[in-house]
């Protein structure tokens, strides 16, 4: 299945992100379950977490070259808000 690309990401509160997809759908994604995973422990640092951005091609969101989430993960597990 092809998932829509990401247009923007915004930090809301308590490790929740608002994701705007290119099709106009907004979803909320709760990152807090990831915080205990060794691959995502660095997200516990709020300053680091707040520096999230959209991948240059819109195929996910990134914090650095090692920490990212794909558009499919965000689309499937995000909660629609519009």
N, C-alpha and C. Protein backbone atom coordinates (compact mmCIF):
# COMPACT_ATOMS: atom_id res chain seq x y z
N UNK A 1 0.84 -1.18 0.00
CA UNK A 1 0.00 0.00 0.00
C UNK A 1 0.89 1.24 0.00
N UNK A 2 0.47 2.25 -0.73
CA UNK A 2 1.20 3.51 -0.76
C UNK A 2 0.58 4.47 0.25
N UNK A 3 1.42 5.05 1.08
CA UNK A 3 0.95 5.97 2.11
C UNK A 3 1.24 7.40 1.68
N UNK A 4 0.40 8.35 2.12
CA UNK A 4 0.66 9.75 1.75
C UNK A 4 1.93 10.27 2.41
N UNK A 5 2.61 11.14 1.71
CA UNK A 5 3.81 11.76 2.26
C UNK A 5 3.43 12.76 3.36
N UNK A 6 4.41 13.09 4.17
CA UNK A 6 4.20 14.01 5.27
C UNK A 6 4.54 15.42 4.81
N UNK A 7 3.66 16.34 5.16
CA UNK A 7 3.85 17.74 4.81
C UNK A 7 4.48 18.52 5.96
N UNK A 8 4.02 18.25 7.20
CA UNK A 8 4.57 18.95 8.36
C UNK A 8 4.41 18.11 9.62
N UNK A 9 5.22 18.46 10.62
CA UNK A 9 5.14 17.82 11.94
C UNK A 9 5.26 18.92 12.98
N UNK A 10 4.46 18.78 14.04
CA UNK A 10 4.48 19.76 15.13
C UNK A 10 4.39 19.02 16.45
N UNK A 11 5.24 19.42 17.40
CA UNK A 11 5.19 18.84 18.75
C UNK A 11 4.01 19.48 19.47
N UNK A 12 3.15 18.64 20.04
CA UNK A 12 2.00 19.13 20.79
C UNK A 12 2.39 19.16 22.28
N UNK A 13 2.18 18.09 23.00
CA UNK A 13 2.57 17.98 24.41
C UNK A 13 2.80 16.52 24.76
N UNK A 14 3.50 16.30 25.86
CA UNK A 14 3.69 14.96 26.40
C UNK A 14 4.03 13.92 25.33
N UNK A 15 5.01 14.24 24.51
CA UNK A 15 5.51 13.33 23.49
C UNK A 15 4.47 12.98 22.42
N UNK A 16 3.57 13.91 22.17
CA UNK A 16 2.58 13.73 21.10
C UNK A 16 2.92 14.67 19.95
N UNK A 17 2.84 14.12 18.74
CA UNK A 17 3.12 14.89 17.53
C UNK A 17 1.85 15.05 16.71
N UNK A 18 1.73 16.19 16.07
CA UNK A 18 0.66 16.39 15.09
C UNK A 18 1.30 16.30 13.71
N UNK A 19 0.83 15.37 12.92
CA UNK A 19 1.37 15.12 11.59
C UNK A 19 0.35 15.56 10.56
N UNK A 20 0.76 16.39 9.61
CA UNK A 20 -0.08 16.78 8.49
C UNK A 20 0.44 16.07 7.26
N UNK A 21 -0.45 15.28 6.65
CA UNK A 21 -0.08 14.54 5.44
C UNK A 21 -0.45 15.36 4.21
N UNK A 22 0.15 15.03 3.07
CA UNK A 22 -0.06 15.80 1.85
C UNK A 22 -1.50 15.75 1.34
N UNK A 23 -2.28 14.79 1.80
CA UNK A 23 -3.69 14.70 1.41
C UNK A 23 -4.60 15.54 2.31
N UNK A 24 -4.01 16.30 3.23
CA UNK A 24 -4.78 17.18 4.11
C UNK A 24 -5.22 16.55 5.42
N UNK A 25 -4.98 15.27 5.60
CA UNK A 25 -5.36 14.58 6.84
C UNK A 25 -4.33 14.89 7.93
N UNK A 26 -4.84 15.23 9.12
CA UNK A 26 -3.98 15.43 10.29
C UNK A 26 -4.17 14.25 11.23
N UNK A 27 -3.06 13.81 11.80
CA UNK A 27 -3.11 12.72 12.77
C UNK A 27 -2.23 13.07 13.96
N UNK A 28 -2.65 12.58 15.12
CA UNK A 28 -1.83 12.70 16.33
C UNK A 28 -1.12 11.36 16.53
N UNK A 29 0.15 11.45 16.87
CA UNK A 29 0.93 10.25 17.12
C UNK A 29 1.60 10.37 18.48
N UNK A 30 1.33 9.41 19.34
CA UNK A 30 1.88 9.38 20.70
C UNK A 30 3.20 8.62 20.69
N UNK A 31 4.28 9.33 20.94
CA UNK A 31 5.62 8.71 20.95
C UNK A 31 5.98 8.11 22.30
N UNK A 32 5.18 8.33 23.33
CA UNK A 32 5.56 7.87 24.67
C UNK A 32 5.80 6.36 24.77
N UNK A 33 5.08 5.50 24.03
CA UNK A 33 5.40 4.06 24.11
C UNK A 33 6.79 3.72 23.58
N UNK A 34 7.37 4.59 22.77
CA UNK A 34 8.69 4.33 22.20
C UNK A 34 9.82 4.60 23.20
N UNK A 35 9.54 5.37 24.22
CA UNK A 35 10.60 5.87 25.11
C UNK A 35 11.35 4.79 25.86
N UNK A 36 10.77 3.63 26.03
CA UNK A 36 11.45 2.54 26.73
C UNK A 36 12.25 1.66 25.77
N UNK A 37 12.06 1.84 24.48
CA UNK A 37 12.80 1.09 23.46
C UNK A 37 14.22 1.66 23.36
N UNK A 38 15.22 0.81 23.39
CA UNK A 38 16.61 1.27 23.34
C UNK A 38 16.89 2.16 22.14
N UNK A 39 16.24 1.89 21.02
CA UNK A 39 16.47 2.68 19.81
C UNK A 39 15.92 4.11 19.91
N UNK A 40 15.00 4.33 20.84
CA UNK A 40 14.34 5.63 20.95
C UNK A 40 14.55 6.31 22.31
N UNK A 41 15.38 5.75 23.18
CA UNK A 41 15.58 6.32 24.52
C UNK A 41 16.01 7.78 24.48
N UNK A 42 16.73 8.16 23.45
CA UNK A 42 17.21 9.54 23.33
C UNK A 42 16.05 10.53 23.25
N UNK A 43 14.87 10.06 22.87
CA UNK A 43 13.70 10.94 22.80
C UNK A 43 13.25 11.41 24.18
N UNK A 44 13.73 10.78 25.23
CA UNK A 44 13.43 11.25 26.59
C UNK A 44 13.98 12.64 26.84
N UNK A 45 14.99 13.03 26.08
CA UNK A 45 15.55 14.38 26.16
C UNK A 45 14.59 15.31 25.40
N UNK A 46 13.86 16.13 26.15
CA UNK A 46 12.83 16.99 25.55
C UNK A 46 13.39 17.91 24.48
N UNK A 47 14.57 18.46 24.70
CA UNK A 47 15.18 19.36 23.70
C UNK A 47 15.42 18.60 22.40
N UNK A 48 15.92 17.38 22.52
CA UNK A 48 16.14 16.54 21.34
C UNK A 48 14.81 16.22 20.67
N UNK A 49 13.83 15.80 21.48
CA UNK A 49 12.51 15.44 20.94
C UNK A 49 11.90 16.61 20.17
N UNK A 50 12.03 17.80 20.71
CA UNK A 50 11.41 18.98 20.09
C UNK A 50 12.05 19.38 18.77
N UNK A 51 13.18 18.80 18.42
CA UNK A 51 13.86 19.11 17.17
C UNK A 51 13.47 18.19 16.02
N UNK A 52 12.32 17.59 16.10
CA UNK A 52 11.83 16.72 15.04
C UNK A 52 11.55 17.54 13.78
N UNK A 53 11.76 16.92 12.64
CA UNK A 53 11.44 17.56 11.36
C UNK A 53 11.02 16.52 10.34
N UNK A 54 10.44 17.00 9.27
CA UNK A 54 10.01 16.11 8.19
C UNK A 54 11.24 15.74 7.35
N UNK A 55 11.33 14.48 7.00
CA UNK A 55 12.36 14.01 6.08
C UNK A 55 12.27 14.84 4.79
N UNK A 56 13.39 15.10 4.16
CA UNK A 56 13.45 15.99 3.00
C UNK A 56 12.48 15.57 1.88
N UNK A 57 12.18 14.28 1.77
CA UNK A 57 11.27 13.80 0.73
C UNK A 57 9.86 13.52 1.24
N UNK A 58 9.62 13.71 2.55
CA UNK A 58 8.30 13.49 3.12
C UNK A 58 7.95 12.06 3.43
N UNK A 59 8.96 11.18 3.43
CA UNK A 59 8.72 9.76 3.68
C UNK A 59 8.78 9.39 5.16
N UNK A 60 8.87 10.36 6.03
CA UNK A 60 8.91 10.11 7.45
C UNK A 60 9.30 11.37 8.20
N UNK A 61 9.52 11.19 9.50
CA UNK A 61 10.01 12.29 10.32
C UNK A 61 11.34 11.85 10.91
N UNK A 62 12.21 12.82 11.18
CA UNK A 62 13.54 12.48 11.65
C UNK A 62 13.95 13.39 12.81
N UNK A 63 14.77 12.83 13.67
CA UNK A 63 15.43 13.59 14.72
C UNK A 63 16.92 13.71 14.39
N UNK A 64 17.48 12.61 13.93
CA UNK A 64 18.85 12.58 13.43
C UNK A 64 18.97 11.40 12.48
N UNK A 65 20.19 11.09 12.03
CA UNK A 65 20.34 10.02 11.04
C UNK A 65 20.00 8.63 11.58
N UNK A 66 19.92 8.50 12.90
CA UNK A 66 19.64 7.20 13.51
C UNK A 66 18.23 7.06 14.08
N UNK A 67 17.55 8.16 14.28
CA UNK A 67 16.23 8.12 14.92
C UNK A 67 15.20 8.74 13.99
N UNK A 68 14.27 7.90 13.55
CA UNK A 68 13.23 8.37 12.64
C UNK A 68 12.00 7.46 12.71
N UNK A 69 10.93 7.92 12.11
CA UNK A 69 9.70 7.13 11.99
C UNK A 69 9.18 7.29 10.56
N UNK A 70 8.71 6.22 9.99
CA UNK A 70 8.24 6.24 8.61
C UNK A 70 6.82 6.79 8.49
N UNK A 71 6.49 7.23 7.29
CA UNK A 71 5.14 7.73 7.04
C UNK A 71 4.10 6.63 7.25
N UNK A 72 4.45 5.38 6.96
CA UNK A 72 3.49 4.28 7.15
C UNK A 72 3.19 4.08 8.63
N UNK A 73 4.20 4.11 9.49
CA UNK A 73 3.99 3.98 10.94
C UNK A 73 3.08 5.09 11.45
N UNK A 74 3.35 6.31 11.03
CA UNK A 74 2.57 7.46 11.49
C UNK A 74 1.15 7.41 10.95
N UNK A 75 0.98 6.97 9.71
CA UNK A 75 -0.34 6.89 9.09
C UNK A 75 -1.18 5.78 9.74
N UNK A 76 -0.59 4.62 9.93
CA UNK A 76 -1.32 3.46 10.46
C UNK A 76 -1.66 3.65 11.94
N UNK A 77 -0.71 4.14 12.74
CA UNK A 77 -0.89 4.20 14.18
C UNK A 77 -1.25 5.59 14.72
N UNK A 78 -1.30 6.58 13.85
CA UNK A 78 -1.75 7.90 14.26
C UNK A 78 -3.27 7.94 14.38
N UNK A 79 -3.76 8.88 15.15
CA UNK A 79 -5.20 9.04 15.36
C UNK A 79 -5.66 10.28 14.61
N UNK A 80 -6.60 10.10 13.69
CA UNK A 80 -7.10 11.21 12.88
C UNK A 80 -7.77 12.27 13.75
N UNK A 81 -7.52 13.54 13.43
CA UNK A 81 -8.12 14.63 14.18
C UNK A 81 -8.98 15.53 13.31
N UNK A 82 -9.16 15.20 12.03
CA UNK A 82 -10.04 16.01 11.19
C UNK A 82 -10.91 15.18 10.30
